[in-house]
Amino acid sequence: MRFRTGVVVGAAAGYVLGARAGRARYEQIKHLAGEARKHPAVAQLADQAGGMVDAGRYVAAGALSTGAKALRVVESNAKSE
């Protein structure tokens, strides 16, 4: 499901960025995208994606913090020798 959604989003973005259909088609696509964002299912997916990003940032921050602590221990051990 996520792969399919990614493919659809990627295809849509590629079409918008690469289309040579003119300004009218661009405005139509922009309007349709705005309408899609108002749909409850899309809003729910956006909220879930935001939650996943926040969770990923938390995990990354924890990993970086742990790595920094390990480097401090190695550095202090090297100085004491």
Protein backbone atom coordinates (compact mmCIF):
# COMPACT_ATOMS: atom_id res chain seq x y z
CA MET A 1 0.00 0.00 0.00
CA ARG A 2 2.76 2.47 0.93
CA PHE A 3 4.71 1.58 -2.22
CA ARG A 4 1.67 2.15 -4.39
CA THR A 5 0.99 5.49 -2.71
CA GLY A 6 4.62 6.49 -3.22
CA VAL A 7 4.47 5.58 -6.87
CA VAL A 8 1.29 7.61 -7.37
CA VAL A 9 2.72 10.63 -5.54
CA GLY A 10 6.00 10.35 -7.44
CA ALA A 11 4.24 10.05 -10.77
CA ALA A 12 2.04 13.03 -10.00
CA ALA A 13 5.01 15.14 -8.93
CA GLY A 14 6.97 14.11 -12.01
CA TYR A 15 4.08 14.97 -14.26
CA VAL A 16 3.58 18.38 -12.67
CA LEU A 17 7.28 19.20 -12.78
CA GLY A 18 7.86 17.82 -16.26
CA ALA A 19 4.60 18.50 -18.03
CA ARG A 20 4.52 20.78 -21.01
CA ALA A 21 0.76 21.01 -21.05
CA GLY A 22 0.76 24.70 -20.28
CA ARG A 23 -0.35 26.94 -17.48
CA ALA A 24 -4.01 25.92 -17.64
CA ARG A 25 -3.19 22.26 -17.02
CA TYR A 26 -0.80 23.23 -14.21
CA GLU A 27 -3.54 25.28 -12.54
CA GLN A 28 -5.98 22.39 -12.94
CA ILE A 29 -3.54 19.95 -11.31
CA LYS A 30 -2.83 22.43 -8.54
CA HIS A 31 -6.55 22.83 -7.88
CA LEU A 32 -7.11 19.06 -7.83
CA ALA A 33 -4.20 18.59 -5.42
CA GLY A 34 -5.67 21.24 -3.14
CA GLU A 35 -9.03 19.49 -3.21
CA ALA A 36 -7.37 16.13 -2.48
CA ARG A 37 -5.65 17.60 0.58
CA LYS A 38 -9.06 18.45 2.00
CA HIS A 39 -10.17 14.81 1.85
CA PRO A 40 -10.27 13.17 5.32
CA ALA A 41 -8.26 10.12 4.23
CA VAL A 42 -5.49 12.30 2.84
CA ALA A 43 -5.48 14.42 6.00
CA GLN A 44 -5.18 11.25 8.08
CA LEU A 45 -2.25 10.03 5.97
CA ALA A 46 -0.55 13.41 6.33
CA ASP A 47 -0.97 13.25 10.12
CA GLN A 48 0.44 9.72 10.18
CA ALA A 49 3.38 10.78 8.03
CA GLY A 50 4.07 13.68 10.38
CA GLY A 51 3.97 11.29 13.33
CA MET A 52 6.40 8.95 11.59
CA VAL A 53 8.77 11.84 10.89
CA ASP A 54 8.62 12.90 14.54
CA ALA A 55 9.28 9.32 15.67
CA GLY A 56 12.20 9.06 13.25
CA ARG A 57 13.68 12.28 14.57
CA TYR A 58 13.36 10.97 18.13
CA VAL A 59 15.12 7.72 17.21
CA ALA A 60 17.85 9.56 15.30
CA ALA A 61 18.42 11.98 18.17
CA GLY A 62 18.70 9.08 20.60
CA ALA A 63 21.16 7.27 18.36
CA LEU A 64 23.27 10.40 17.93
CA SER A 65 23.24 11.03 21.66
CA THR A 66 24.32 7.46 22.39
CA GLY A 67 27.06 7.68 19.77
CA ALA A 68 28.33 10.96 21.23
CA LYS A 69 28.45 9.43 24.71
CA ALA A 70 30.42 6.47 23.37
CA LEU A 71 32.88 8.81 21.67
CA ARG A 72 33.37 10.74 24.91
CA VAL A 73 34.14 7.49 26.75
CA VAL A 74 36.67 6.43 24.10
CA GLU A 75 38.22 9.89 24.14
CA SER A 76 38.52 9.95 27.93
CA ASN A 77 40.06 6.48 27.91
CA ALA A 78 42.61 7.58 25.32
CA LYS A 79 43.59 10.62 27.40
CA SER A 80 44.01 8.57 30.57
CA GLU A 81 46.44 6.12 28.93
